[in-house]
Protein backbone atom coordinates (compact mmCIF):
# COMPACT_ATOMS: atom_id res chain seq x y z
CA UNK A 1 0.00 0.00 0.00
CA UNK A 2 1.45 3.28 -1.08
CA UNK A 3 1.23 5.98 1.59
CA UNK A 4 2.61 8.49 -0.94
CA UNK A 5 -0.78 8.54 -2.70
CA UNK A 6 -2.55 9.73 0.46
CA UNK A 7 -3.70 13.33 0.16
CA UNK A 8 -3.46 15.17 3.48
CA UNK A 9 -3.53 18.94 3.92
CA UNK A 10 -1.98 20.72 6.87
CA UNK A 11 -3.91 23.85 7.90
CA UNK A 12 -3.69 26.24 10.83
CA UNK A 13 -6.54 24.26 12.45
CA UNK A 14 -4.91 20.86 11.98
CA UNK A 15 -4.71 18.12 9.40
CA UNK A 16 -7.46 17.59 6.85
CA UNK A 17 -7.66 13.97 5.70
CA UNK A 18 -9.95 12.44 3.09
CA UNK A 19 -11.47 9.10 4.10
CA UNK A 20 -13.17 6.37 2.12
CA UNK A 21 -15.21 4.22 4.51
CA UNK A 22 -16.61 0.72 4.13
CA UNK A 23 -19.28 0.29 6.84
CA UNK A 24 -20.57 -3.06 8.15
CA UNK A 25 -17.18 -4.74 7.84
CA UNK A 26 -16.25 -7.72 10.00
CA UNK A 27 -13.94 -5.53 12.08
CA UNK A 28 -12.47 -2.04 12.15
CA UNK A 29 -9.20 -1.83 10.26
CA UNK A 30 -7.10 0.22 7.88
CA UNK A 31 -7.51 -0.95 4.29
CA UNK A 32 -4.97 1.16 2.43
CA UNK A 33 -5.32 4.17 0.17
CA UNK A 34 -8.22 4.58 -2.29
CA UNK A 35 -8.07 7.46 -4.82
CA UNK A 36 -5.98 9.58 -2.46
CA UNK A 37 -8.19 8.83 0.55
CA UNK A 38 -7.38 6.75 3.60
CA UNK A 39 -9.60 3.67 3.31
CA UNK A 40 -11.13 2.35 6.52
CA UNK A 41 -13.25 -0.71 7.17
CA UNK A 42 -15.67 -0.01 10.02
CA UNK A 43 -17.81 -2.62 11.75
CA UNK A 44 -20.64 -0.23 12.61
CA UNK A 45 -23.60 0.24 10.25
CA UNK A 46 -24.20 3.62 8.60
CA UNK A 47 -27.29 4.22 10.75
CA UNK A 48 -27.92 7.01 13.27
CA UNK A 49 -24.34 8.29 13.00
CA UNK A 50 -22.97 5.00 14.37
CA UNK A 51 -20.34 4.62 11.65
CA UNK A 52 -19.10 8.20 12.14
CA UNK A 53 -18.74 7.64 15.89
CA UNK A 54 -16.93 4.35 15.21
CA UNK A 55 -14.52 6.09 12.80
CA UNK A 56 -13.55 8.63 15.43
CA UNK A 57 -13.26 5.96 18.12
CA UNK A 58 -11.10 3.74 15.89
CA UNK A 59 -8.78 6.56 14.80
CA UNK A 60 -8.53 7.87 18.36
CA UNK A 61 -7.37 4.48 19.65
CA UNK A 62 -5.11 3.83 16.65
CA UNK A 63 -3.33 7.17 16.75
CA UNK A 64 -3.34 7.56 20.54
CA UNK A 65 -5.20 10.88 20.50
CA UNK A 66 -8.32 11.99 22.38
CA UNK A 67 -11.59 11.76 20.46
CA UNK A 68 -12.08 15.50 20.96
CA UNK A 69 -9.31 16.18 18.42
CA UNK A 70 -11.28 14.57 15.57
CA UNK A 71 -14.12 16.17 13.64
CA UNK A 72 -15.89 15.10 10.47
CA UNK A 73 -16.08 18.26 8.36
CA UNK A 74 -17.93 16.86 5.34
CA UNK A 75 -19.57 13.66 4.15
CA UNK A 76 -21.42 12.75 7.31
CA UNK A 77 -23.87 10.62 5.31
CA UNK A 78 -21.43 9.47 2.63
CA UNK A 79 -18.70 6.85 2.28
CA UNK A 80 -16.34 9.65 1.30
CA UNK A 81 -15.62 11.94 4.22
CA UNK A 82 -13.34 14.82 5.15
CA UNK A 83 -11.84 14.56 8.62
CA UNK A 84 -10.01 17.19 10.62
CA UNK A 85 -7.41 16.15 13.22
CA UNK A 86 -6.20 18.85 15.61
CA UNK A 87 -2.86 18.72 17.42
CA UNK A 88 -0.99 16.33 15.12
CA UNK A 89 1.71 17.30 12.66
CA UNK A 90 1.80 15.89 9.15
CA UNK A 91 5.02 13.91 9.60
CA UNK A 92 3.75 12.20 12.78
CA UNK A 93 0.45 11.36 11.09
CA UNK A 94 2.11 9.89 8.00
CA UNK A 95 4.58 7.82 10.01
CA UNK A 96 1.78 6.53 12.26
CA UNK A 97 -0.50 5.65 9.35
CA UNK A 98 2.38 4.03 7.47
CA UNK A 99 3.12 1.87 10.52
CA UNK A 100 -0.56 0.95 10.94
CA UNK A 101 -0.99 0.07 7.26
CA UNK A 102 1.99 -2.28 7.38
CA UNK A 103 0.63 -4.27 10.36
PDB file of N, CA and C in Angstrom:
ATOM      1  N   UNK A   1       0.845  -1.178   0.000  1.00  0.00           N
ATOM      2  CA  UNK A   1       0.000   0.000   0.000  1.00  0.00           C
ATOM      3  C   UNK A   1       0.886   1.236   0.000  1.00  0.00           C
ATOM      4  N   UNK A   2       0.577   2.134  -0.883  1.00  0.00           N
ATOM      5  CA  UNK A   2       1.448   3.282  -1.084  1.00  0.00           C
ATOM      6  C   UNK A   2       0.941   4.506  -0.325  1.00  0.00           C
ATOM      7  N   UNK A   3       1.600   4.827   0.766  1.00  0.00           N
ATOM      8  CA  UNK A   3       1.229   5.976   1.593  1.00  0.00           C
ATOM      9  C   UNK A   3       1.457   7.289   0.851  1.00  0.00           C
ATOM     10  N   UNK A   4       2.319   7.272  -0.175  1.00  0.00           N
ATOM     11  CA  UNK A   4       2.612   8.487  -0.936  1.00  0.00           C
ATOM     12  C   UNK A   4       1.396   9.002  -1.700  1.00  0.00           C
ATOM     13  N   UNK A   5       0.428   8.141  -1.979  1.00  0.00           N
ATOM     14  CA  UNK A   5      -0.778   8.537  -2.703  1.00  0.00           C
ATOM     15  C   UNK A   5      -1.808   9.227  -1.801  1.00  0.00           C
ATOM     16  N   UNK A   6      -1.607   9.147  -0.496  1.00  0.00           N
ATOM     17  CA  UNK A   6      -2.549   9.728   0.463  1.00  0.00           C
ATOM     18  C   UNK A   6      -2.482  11.250   0.414  1.00  0.00           C
ATOM     19  N   UNK A   7      -3.632  11.873   0.227  1.00  0.00           N
ATOM     20  CA  UNK A   7      -3.702  13.333   0.157  1.00  0.00           C
ATOM     21  C   UNK A   7      -4.141  13.887   1.508  1.00  0.00           C
ATOM     22  N   UNK A   8      -3.212  14.572   2.163  1.00  0.00           N
ATOM     23  CA  UNK A   8      -3.460  15.165   3.481  1.00  0.00           C
ATOM     24  C   UNK A   8      -3.028  16.619   3.411  1.00  0.00           C
ATOM     25  N   UNK A   9      -3.875  17.520   3.889  1.00  0.00           N
ATOM     26  CA  UNK A   9      -3.533  18.941   3.922  1.00  0.00           C
ATOM     27  C   UNK A   9      -3.302  19.380   5.355  1.00  0.00           C
ATOM     28  N   UNK A  10      -2.259  20.164   5.548  1.00  0.00           N
ATOM     29  CA  UNK A  10      -1.978  20.721   6.870  1.00  0.00           C
ATOM     30  C   UNK A  10      -2.452  22.167   6.872  1.00  0.00           C
ATOM     31  N   UNK A  11      -3.370  22.500   7.786  1.00  0.00           N
ATOM     32  CA  UNK A  11      -3.906  23.855   7.899  1.00  0.00           C
ATOM     33  C   UNK A  11      -3.571  24.404   9.274  1.00  0.00           C
ATOM     34  N   UNK A  12      -3.936  25.660   9.502  1.00  0.00           N
ATOM     35  CA  UNK A  12      -3.692  26.240  10.826  1.00  0.00           C
ATOM     36  C   UNK A  12      -4.580  25.614  11.900  1.00  0.00           C
ATOM     37  N   UNK A  13      -5.655  24.919  11.497  1.00  0.00           N
ATOM     38  CA  UNK A  13      -6.543  24.260  12.455  1.00  0.00           C
ATOM     39  C   UNK A  13      -6.235  22.772  12.624  1.00  0.00           C
ATOM     40  N   UNK A  14      -5.275  22.265  11.865  1.00  0.00           N
ATOM     41  CA  UNK A  14      -4.908  20.862  11.981  1.00  0.00           C
ATOM     42  C   UNK A  14      -4.812  20.204  10.625  1.00  0.00           C
ATOM     43  N   UNK A  15      -4.786  18.889  10.641  1.00  0.00           N
ATOM     44  CA  UNK A  15      -4.710  18.120   9.405  1.00  0.00           C
ATOM     45  C   UNK A  15      -6.100  17.891   8.840  1.00  0.00           C
ATOM     46  N   UNK A  16      -6.209  17.914   7.526  1.00  0.00           N
ATOM     47  CA  UNK A  16      -7.457  17.585   6.845  1.00  0.00           C
ATOM     48  C   UNK A  16      -7.179  16.346   6.000  1.00  0.00           C
ATOM     49  N   UNK A  17      -7.890  15.273   6.310  1.00  0.00           N
ATOM     50  CA  UNK A  17      -7.662  13.973   5.695  1.00  0.00           C
ATOM     51  C   UNK A  17      -8.945  13.512   5.011  1.00  0.00           C
ATOM     52  N   UNK A  18      -8.806  13.040   3.783  1.00  0.00           N
ATOM     53  CA  UNK A  18      -9.948  12.442   3.089  1.00  0.00           C
ATOM     54  C   UNK A  18     -10.032  10.973   3.477  1.00  0.00           C
ATOM     55  N   UNK A  19     -11.248  10.501   3.733  1.00  0.00           N
ATOM     56  CA  UNK A  19     -11.475   9.105   4.102  1.00  0.00           C
ATOM     57  C   UNK A  19     -12.425   8.454   3.111  1.00  0.00           C
ATOM     58  N   UNK A  20     -12.212   7.189   2.854  1.00  0.00           N
ATOM     59  CA  UNK A  20     -13.173   6.366   2.119  1.00  0.00           C
ATOM     60  C   UNK A  20     -13.523   5.222   3.065  1.00  0.00           C
ATOM     61  N   UNK A  21     -14.795   5.119   3.429  1.00  0.00           N
ATOM     62  CA  UNK A  21     -15.212   4.220   4.508  1.00  0.00           C
ATOM     63  C   UNK A  21     -16.091   3.093   3.970  1.00  0.00           C
ATOM     64  N   UNK A  22     -15.783   1.882   4.428  1.00  0.00           N
ATOM     65  CA  UNK A  22     -16.613   0.724   4.135  1.00  0.00           C
ATOM     66  C   UNK A  22     -17.298   0.311   5.441  1.00  0.00           C
ATOM     67  N   UNK A  23     -18.576   0.671   5.608  1.00  0.00           N
ATOM     68  CA  UNK A  23     -19.281   0.293   6.843  1.00  0.00           C
ATOM     69  C   UNK A  23     -19.678  -1.181   6.818  1.00  0.00           C
ATOM     70  N   UNK A  24     -20.102  -1.678   7.969  1.00  0.00           N
ATOM     71  CA  UNK A  24     -20.567  -3.056   8.150  1.00  0.00           C
ATOM     72  C   UNK A  24     -19.508  -4.091   7.786  1.00  0.00           C
ATOM     73  N   UNK A  25     -18.261  -3.779   8.054  1.00  0.00           N
ATOM     74  CA  UNK A  25     -17.182  -4.742   7.837  1.00  0.00           C
ATOM     75  C   UNK A  25     -17.136  -5.706   9.023  1.00  0.00           C
ATOM     76  N   UNK A  26     -16.364  -6.764   8.896  1.00  0.00           N
ATOM     77  CA  UNK A  26     -16.249  -7.724  10.000  1.00  0.00           C
ATOM     78  C   UNK A  26     -15.604  -7.098  11.221  1.00  0.00           C
ATOM     79  N   UNK A  27     -14.624  -6.199  10.973  1.00  0.00           N
ATOM     80  CA  UNK A  27     -13.936  -5.530  12.081  1.00  0.00           C
ATOM     81  C   UNK A  27     -13.417  -4.192  11.582  1.00  0.00           C
ATOM     82  N   UNK A  28     -13.044  -3.337  12.505  1.00  0.00           N
ATOM     83  CA  UNK A  28     -12.471  -2.037  12.154  1.00  0.00           C
ATOM     84  C   UNK A  28     -10.994  -2.231  11.824  1.00  0.00           C
ATOM     85  N   UNK A  29     -10.590  -1.720  10.658  1.00  0.00           N
ATOM     86  CA  UNK A  29      -9.198  -1.834  10.258  1.00  0.00           C
ATOM     87  C   UNK A  29      -8.873  -0.847   9.144  1.00  0.00           C
ATOM     88  N   UNK A  30      -7.581  -0.589   8.989  1.00  0.00           N
ATOM     89  CA  UNK A  30      -7.104   0.222   7.882  1.00  0.00           C
ATOM     90  C   UNK A  30      -7.030  -0.666   6.655  1.00  0.00           C
ATOM     91  N   UNK A  31      -7.460  -0.138   5.506  1.00  0.00           N
ATOM     92  CA  UNK A  31      -7.509  -0.948   4.290  1.00  0.00           C
ATOM     93  C   UNK A  31      -6.718  -0.327   3.151  1.00  0.00           C
ATOM     94  N   UNK A  32      -5.822   0.596   3.461  1.00  0.00           N
ATOM     95  CA  UNK A  32      -4.967   1.162   2.427  1.00  0.00           C
ATOM     96  C   UNK A  32      -5.379   2.555   2.001  1.00  0.00           C
ATOM     97  N   UNK A  33      -5.025   2.867   0.750  1.00  0.00           N
ATOM     98  CA  UNK A  33      -5.322   4.173   0.167  1.00  0.00           C
ATOM     99  C   UNK A  33      -6.184   3.942  -1.058  1.00  0.00           C
ATOM    100  N   UNK A  34      -7.273   4.708  -1.177  1.00  0.00           N
ATOM    101  CA  UNK A  34      -8.215   4.581  -2.288  1.00  0.00           C
ATOM    102  C   UNK A  34      -8.427   5.958  -2.908  1.00  0.00           C
ATOM    103  N   UNK A  35      -7.935   6.171  -4.116  1.00  0.00           N
ATOM    104  CA  UNK A  35      -8.073   7.460  -4.818  1.00  0.00           C
ATOM    105  C   UNK A  35      -7.627   8.646  -3.967  1.00  0.00           C
ATOM    106  N   UNK A  36      -6.517   8.508  -3.281  1.00  0.00           N
ATOM    107  CA  UNK A  36      -5.985   9.584  -2.463  1.00  0.00           C
ATOM    108  C   UNK A  36      -6.577   9.675  -1.071  1.00  0.00           C
ATOM    109  N   UNK A  37      -7.545   8.829  -0.767  1.00  0.00           N
ATOM    110  CA  UNK A  37      -8.192   8.832   0.545  1.00  0.00           C
ATOM    111  C   UNK A  37      -7.712   7.648   1.374  1.00  0.00           C
ATOM    112  N   UNK A  38      -7.676   7.836   2.683  1.00  0.00           N
ATOM    113  CA  UNK A  38      -7.377   6.745   3.597  1.00  0.00           C
ATOM    114  C   UNK A  38      -8.606   5.853   3.666  1.00  0.00           C
ATOM    115  N   UNK A  39      -8.453   4.586   3.308  1.00  0.00           N
ATOM    116  CA  UNK A  39      -9.596   3.673   3.314  1.00  0.00           C
ATOM    117  C   UNK A  39      -9.678   2.962   4.656  1.00  0.00           C
ATOM    118  N   UNK A  40     -10.871   3.008   5.243  1.00  0.00           N
ATOM    119  CA  UNK A  40     -11.133   2.354   6.522  1.00  0.00           C
ATOM    120  C   UNK A  40     -12.273   1.366   6.373  1.00  0.00           C
ATOM    121  N   UNK A  41     -12.137   0.222   7.021  1.00  0.00           N
ATOM    122  CA  UNK A  41     -13.250  -0.712   7.166  1.00  0.00           C
ATOM    123  C   UNK A  41     -13.762  -0.530   8.583  1.00  0.00           C
ATOM    124  N   UNK A  42     -15.051  -0.292   8.718  1.00  0.00           N
ATOM    125  CA  UNK A  42     -15.666  -0.010  10.015  1.00  0.00           C
ATOM    126  C   UNK A  42     -16.783  -1.014  10.256  1.00  0.00           C
ATOM    127  N   UNK A  43     -16.817  -1.594  11.436  1.00  0.00           N
ATOM    128  CA  UNK A  43     -17.806  -2.622  11.755  1.00  0.00           C
ATOM    129  C   UNK A  43     -19.214  -2.052  11.933  1.00  0.00           C
ATOM    130  N   UNK A  44     -19.333  -0.827  12.328  1.00  0.00           N
ATOM    131  CA  UNK A  44     -20.641  -0.229  12.611  1.00  0.00           C
ATOM    132  C   UNK A  44     -21.443   0.009  11.326  1.00  0.00           C
ATOM    133  N   UNK A  45     -22.765  -0.063  11.422  1.00  0.00           N
ATOM    134  CA  UNK A  45     -23.599   0.243  10.255  1.00  0.00           C
ATOM    135  C   UNK A  45     -23.724   1.756  10.069  1.00  0.00           C
ATOM    136  N   UNK A  46     -24.052   2.190   8.855  1.00  0.00           N
ATOM    137  CA  UNK A  46     -24.201   3.625   8.599  1.00  0.00           C
ATOM    138  C   UNK A  46     -25.587   4.130   9.007  1.00  0.00           C
ATOM    139  N   UNK A  47     -25.965   3.870  10.243  1.00  0.00           N
ATOM    140  CA  UNK A  47     -27.291   4.222  10.747  1.00  0.00           C
ATOM    141  C   UNK A  47     -27.137   5.072  12.002  1.00  0.00           C
ATOM    142  N   UNK A  48     -27.900   6.152  12.077  1.00  0.00           N
ATOM    143  CA  UNK A  48     -27.921   7.015  13.269  1.00  0.00           C
ATOM    144  C   UNK A  48     -26.523   7.458  13.701  1.00  0.00           C
ATOM    145  N   UNK A  49     -25.679   7.764  12.737  1.00  0.00           N
ATOM    146  CA  UNK A  49     -24.335   8.293  12.996  1.00  0.00           C
ATOM    147  C   UNK A  49     -23.398   7.284  13.667  1.00  0.00           C
ATOM    148  N   UNK A  50     -23.790   6.016  13.706  1.00  0.00           N
ATOM    149  CA  UNK A  50     -22.969   4.996  14.375  1.00  0.00           C
ATOM    150  C   UNK A  50     -21.624   4.813  13.685  1.00  0.00           C
ATOM    151  N   UNK A  51     -21.604   4.804  12.369  1.00  0.00           N
ATOM    152  CA  UNK A  51     -20.339   4.625  11.649  1.00  0.00           C
ATOM    153  C   UNK A  51     -19.409   5.810  11.884  1.00  0.00           C
ATOM    154  N   UNK A  52     -19.935   7.022  11.899  1.00  0.00           N
ATOM    155  CA  UNK A  52     -19.102   8.202  12.144  1.00  0.00           C
ATOM    156  C   UNK A  52     -18.484   8.161  13.536  1.00  0.00           C
ATOM    157  N   UNK A  53     -19.269   7.769  14.528  1.00  0.00           N
ATOM    158  CA  UNK A  53     -18.739   7.635  15.886  1.00  0.00           C
ATOM    159  C   UNK A  53     -17.673   6.549  15.941  1.00  0.00           C
ATOM    160  N   UNK A  54     -17.901   5.448  15.222  1.00  0.00           N
ATOM    161  CA  UNK A  54     -16.930   4.348  15.208  1.00  0.00           C
ATOM    162  C   UNK A  54     -15.631   4.763  14.515  1.00  0.00           C
ATOM    163  N   UNK A  55     -15.720   5.585  13.484  1.00  0.00           N
ATOM    164  CA  UNK A  55     -14.524   6.091  12.798  1.00  0.00           C
ATOM    165  C   UNK A  55     -13.669   6.884  13.776  1.00  0.00           C
ATOM    166  N   UNK A  56     -14.295   7.793  14.485  1.00  0.00           N
ATOM    167  CA  UNK A  56     -13.553   8.631  15.428  1.00  0.00           C
ATOM    168  C   UNK A  56     -12.980   7.791  16.561  1.00  0.00           C
ATOM    169  N   UNK A  57     -13.735   6.855  17.058  1.00  0.00           N
ATOM    170  CA  UNK A  57     -13.256   5.959  18.125  1.00  0.00           C
ATOM    171  C   UNK A  57     -12.050   5.146  17.635  1.00  0.00           C
ATOM    172  N   UNK A  58     -12.162   4.568  16.446  1.00  0.00           N
ATOM    173  CA  UNK A  58     -11.096   3.743  15.888  1.00  0.00           C
ATOM    174  C   UNK A  58      -9.823   4.558  15.655  1.00  0.00           C
ATOM    175  N   UNK A  59      -9.948   5.724  15.056  1.00  0.00           N
ATOM    176  CA  UNK A  59      -8.777   6.559  14.799  1.00  0.00           C
ATOM    177  C   UNK A  59      -8.168   7.084  16.099  1.00  0.00           C
ATOM    178  N   UNK A  60      -9.006   7.403  17.062  1.00  0.00           N
ATOM    179  CA  UNK A  60      -8.529   7.873  18.356  1.00  0.00           C
ATOM    180  C   UNK A  60      -7.658   6.807  19.025  1.00  0.00           C
ATOM    181  N   UNK A  61      -8.133   5.586  19.045  1.00  0.00           N
ATOM    182  CA  UNK A  61      -7.368   4.484  19.649  1.00  0.00           C
ATOM    183  C   UNK A  61      -6.113   4.176  18.831  1.00  0.00           C
ATOM    184  N   UNK A  62      -6.238   4.184  17.514  1.00  0.00           N
ATOM    185  CA  UNK A  62      -5.112   3.825  16.645  1.00  0.00           C
ATOM    186  C   UNK A  62      -3.980   4.838  16.707  1.00  0.00           C
ATOM    187  N   UNK A  63      -4.336   6.121  16.765  1.00  0.00           N
ATOM    188  CA  UNK A  63      -3.329   7.171  16.752  1.00  0.00           C
ATOM    189  C   UNK A  63      -2.943   7.655  18.150  1.00  0.00           C
ATOM    190  N   UNK A  64      -3.651   7.182  19.165  1.00  0.00           N
ATOM    191  CA  UNK A  64      -3.339   7.557  20.536  1.00  0.00           C
ATOM    192  C   UNK A  64      -3.668   9.002  20.853  1.00  0.00           C
ATOM    193  N   UNK A  65      -4.755   9.503  20.278  1.00  0.00           N
ATOM    194  CA  UNK A  65      -5.197  10.881  20.502  1.00  0.00           C
ATOM    195  C   UNK A  65      -6.601  10.877  21.090  1.00  0.00           C
ATOM    196  N   UNK A  66      -6.955  11.909  21.866  1.00  0.00           N
ATOM    197  CA  UNK A  66      -8.322  11.987  22.384  1.00  0.00           C
ATOM    198  C   UNK A  66      -9.344  12.189  21.263  1.00  0.00           C
ATOM    199  N   UNK A  67     -10.532  11.634  21.458  1.00  0.00           N
ATOM    200  CA  UNK A  67     -11.593  11.764  20.458  1.00  0.00           C
ATOM    201  C   UNK A  67     -11.943  13.223  20.173  1.00  0.00           C
ATOM    202  N   UNK A  68     -11.728  14.093  21.138  1.00  0.00           N
ATOM    203  CA  UNK A  68     -12.076  15.503  20.963  1.00  0.00           C
ATOM    204  C   UNK A  68     -11.243  16.191  19.884  1.00  0.00           C
ATOM    205  N   UNK A  69     -10.155  15.583  19.463  1.00  0.00           N
ATOM    206  CA  UNK A  69      -9.308  16.179  18.421  1.00  0.00           C
ATOM    207  C   UNK A  69      -9.776  15.850  17.005  1.00  0.00           C
ATOM    208  N   UNK A  70     -10.784  15.006  16.875  1.00  0.00           N
ATOM    209  CA  UNK A  70     -11.277  14.574  15.570  1.00  0.00           C
ATOM    210  C   UNK A  70     -12.640  15.201  15.288  1.00  0.00           C
ATOM    211  N   UNK A  71     -12.831  15.622  14.053  1.00  0.00           N
ATOM    212  CA  UNK A  71     -14.125  16.173  13.643  1.00  0.00           C
ATOM    213  C   UNK A  71     -14.356  15.860  12.178  1.00  0.00           C
ATOM    214  N   UNK A  72     -15.528  15.334  11.862  1.00  0.00           N
ATOM    215  CA  UNK A  72     -15.888  15.097  10.470  1.00  0.00           C
ATOM    216  C   UNK A  72     -16.431  16.407   9.914  1.00  0.00           C
ATOM    217  N   UNK A  73     -15.713  16.955   8.935  1.00  0.00           N
ATOM    218  CA  UNK A  73     -16.076  18.256   8.356  1.00  0.00           C
ATOM    219  C   UNK A  73     -17.097  18.125   7.243  1.00  0.00           C
ATOM    220  N   UNK A  74     -17.028  17.047   6.484  1.00  0.00           N
ATOM    221  CA  UNK A  74     -17.933  16.859   5.342  1.00  0.00           C
ATOM    222  C   UNK A  74     -18.142  15.371   5.101  1.00  0.00           C
ATOM    223  N   UNK A  75     -19.284  15.043   4.504  1.00  0.00           N
ATOM    224  CA  UNK A  75     -19.572  13.664   4.147  1.00  0.00           C
ATOM    225  C   UNK A  75     -20.150  12.839   5.257  1.00  0.00           C
ATOM    226  N   UNK A  76     -20.848  13.464   6.179  1.00  0.00           N
ATOM    227  CA  UNK A  76     -21.423  12.751   7.311  1.00  0.00           C
ATOM    228  C   UNK A  76     -22.321  11.599   6.925  1.00  0.00           C
ATOM    229  N   UNK A  77     -22.958  11.676   5.764  1.00  0.00           N
ATOM    230  CA  UNK A  77     -23.874  10.622   5.313  1.00  0.00           C
ATOM    231  C   UNK A  77     -23.334   9.900   4.083  1.00  0.00           C
ATOM    232  N   UNK A  78     -22.047  10.029   3.832  1.00  0.00           N
ATOM    233  CA  UNK A  78     -21.433   9.470   2.628  1.00  0.00           C
ATOM    234  C   UNK A  78     -20.290   8.536   3.012  1.00  0.00           C
ATOM    235  N   UNK A  79     -19.886   7.681   2.069  1.00  0.00           N
ATOM    236  CA  UNK A  79     -18.701   6.846   2.278  1.00  0.00           C
ATOM    237  C   UNK A  79     -17.434   7.686   2.211  1.00  0.00           C
ATOM    238  N   UNK A  80     -17.486   8.756   1.441  1.00  0.00           N
ATOM    239  CA  UNK A  80     -16.336   9.650   1.296  1.00  0.00           C
ATOM    240  C   UNK A  80     -16.493  10.814   2.256  1.00  0.00           C
ATOM    241  N   UNK A  81     -15.536  10.950   3.155  1.00  0.00           N
ATOM    242  CA  UNK A  81     -15.617  11.940   4.222  1.00  0.00           C
ATOM    243  C   UNK A  81     -14.367  12.803   4.247  1.00  0.00           C
ATOM    244  N   UNK A  82     -14.484  13.950   4.890  1.00  0.00           N
ATOM    245  CA  UNK A  82     -13.344  14.819   5.146  1.00  0.00           C
ATOM    246  C   UNK A  82     -13.240  14.950   6.656  1.00  0.00           C
ATOM    247  N   UNK A  83     -12.076  14.596   7.179  1.00  0.00           N
ATOM    248  CA  UNK A  83     -11.844  14.562   8.621  1.00  0.00           C
ATOM    249  C   UNK A  83     -10.779  15.574   8.995  1.00  0.00           C
ATOM    250  N   UNK A  84     -11.015  16.288  10.080  1.00  0.00           N
ATOM    251  CA  UNK A  84     -10.008  17.191  10.625  1.00  0.00           C
ATOM    252  C   UNK A  84      -9.442  16.585  11.902  1.00  0.00           C
ATOM    253  N   UNK A  85      -8.101  16.636  12.012  1.00  0.00           N
ATOM    254  CA  UNK A  85      -7.414  16.154  13.215  1.00  0.00           C
ATOM    255  C   UNK A  85      -6.603  17.320  13.767  1.00  0.00           C
ATOM    256  N   UNK A  86      -6.925  17.742  14.978  1.00  0.00           N
ATOM    257  CA  UNK A  86      -6.201  18.848  15.613  1.00  0.00           C
ATOM    258  C   UNK A  86      -5.057  18.305  16.476  1.00  0.00           C
ATOM    259  N   UNK A  87      -3.966  19.056  16.515  1.00  0.00           N
ATOM    260  CA  UNK A  87      -2.864  18.723  17.420  1.00  0.00           C
ATOM    261  C   UNK A  87      -1.964  17.601  16.959  1.00  0.00           C
ATOM    262  N   UNK A  88      -1.865  17.376  15.657  1.00  0.00           N
ATOM    263  CA  UNK A  88      -0.994  16.331  15.124  1.00  0.00           C
ATOM    264  C   UNK A  88      -0.316  16.881  13.880  1.00  0.00           C
ATOM    265  N   UNK A  89       0.993  16.781  13.835  1.00  0.00           N
ATOM    266  CA  UNK A  89       1.708  17.298  12.659  1.00  0.00           C
ATOM    267  C   UNK A  89       1.676  16.258  11.537  1.00  0.00           C
ATOM    268  N   UNK A  90       1.885  16.730  10.340  1.00  0.00           N
ATOM    269  CA  UNK A  90       1.799  15.886   9.147  1.00  0.00           C
ATOM    270  C   UNK A  90       2.790  14.728   9.197  1.00  0.00           C
ATOM    271  N   UNK A  91       4.017  14.986   9.591  1.00  0.00           N
ATOM    272  CA  UNK A  91       5.018  13.912   9.601  1.00  0.00           C
ATOM    273  C   UNK A  91       4.666  12.817  10.613  1.00  0.00           C
ATOM    274  N   UNK A  92       4.159  13.200  11.787  1.00  0.00           N
ATOM    275  CA  UNK A  92       3.752  12.205  12.783  1.00  0.00           C
ATOM    276  C   UNK A  92       2.563  11.384  12.288  1.00  0.00           C
ATOM    277  N   UNK A  93       1.612  12.060  11.628  1.00  0.00           N
ATOM    278  CA  UNK A  93       0.445  11.361  11.089  1.00  0.00           C
ATOM    279  C   UNK A  93       0.872  10.346  10.029  1.00  0.00           C
ATOM    280  N   UNK A  94       1.694  10.778   9.083  1.00  0.00           N
ATOM    281  CA  UNK A  94       2.106   9.892   7.998  1.00  0.00           C
ATOM    282  C   UNK A  94       2.922   8.711   8.506  1.00  0.00           C
ATOM    283  N   UNK A  95       3.803   8.939   9.478  1.00  0.00           N
ATOM    284  CA  UNK A  95       4.578   7.818  10.011  1.00  0.00           C
ATOM    285  C   UNK A  95       3.676   6.855  10.783  1.00  0.00           C
ATOM    286  N   UNK A  96       2.716   7.389  11.531  1.00  0.00           N
ATOM    287  CA  UNK A  96       1.778   6.534  12.258  1.00  0.00           C
ATOM    288  C   UNK A  96       0.896   5.716  11.335  1.00  0.00           C
ATOM    289  N   UNK A  97       0.359   6.355  10.298  1.00  0.00           N
ATOM    290  CA  UNK A  97      -0.502   5.648   9.346  1.00  0.00           C
ATOM    291  C   UNK A  97       0.311   4.617   8.574  1.00  0.00           C
ATOM    292  N   UNK A  98       1.522   4.969   8.195  1.00  0.00           N
ATOM    293  CA  UNK A  98       2.378   4.028   7.473  1.00  0.00           C
ATOM    294  C   UNK A  98       2.635   2.792   8.325  1.00  0.00           C
ATOM    295  N   UNK A  99       2.894   2.993   9.602  1.00  0.00           N
ATOM    296  CA  UNK A  99       3.115   1.869  10.519  1.00  0.00           C
ATOM    297  C   UNK A  99       1.850   1.024  10.649  1.00  0.00           C
ATOM    298  N   UNK A 100       0.698   1.670  10.768  1.00  0.00           N
ATOM    299  CA  UNK A 100      -0.558   0.951  10.944  1.00  0.00           C
ATOM    300  C   UNK A 100      -0.958   0.185   9.673  1.00  0.00           C
ATOM    301  N   UNK A 101      -0.663   0.738   8.516  1.00  0.00           N
ATOM    302  CA  UNK A 101      -0.986   0.069   7.261  1.00  0.00           C
ATOM    303  C   UNK A 101      -0.110  -1.160   7.033  1.00  0.00           C
ATOM    304  N   UNK A 102       1.078  -1.159   7.584  1.00  0.00           N
ATOM    305  CA  UNK A 102       1.985  -2.283   7.377  1.00  0.00           C
ATOM    306  C   UNK A 102       1.745  -3.430   8.365  1.00  0.00           C
ATOM    307  N   UNK A 103       0.919  -3.209   9.370  1.00  0.00           N
ATOM    308  CA  UNK A 103       0.634  -4.268  10.360  1.00  0.00           C
ATOM    309  C   UNK A 103      -0.265  -5.332   9.792  1.00  0.00           C
TER     310      UNK A 103
END
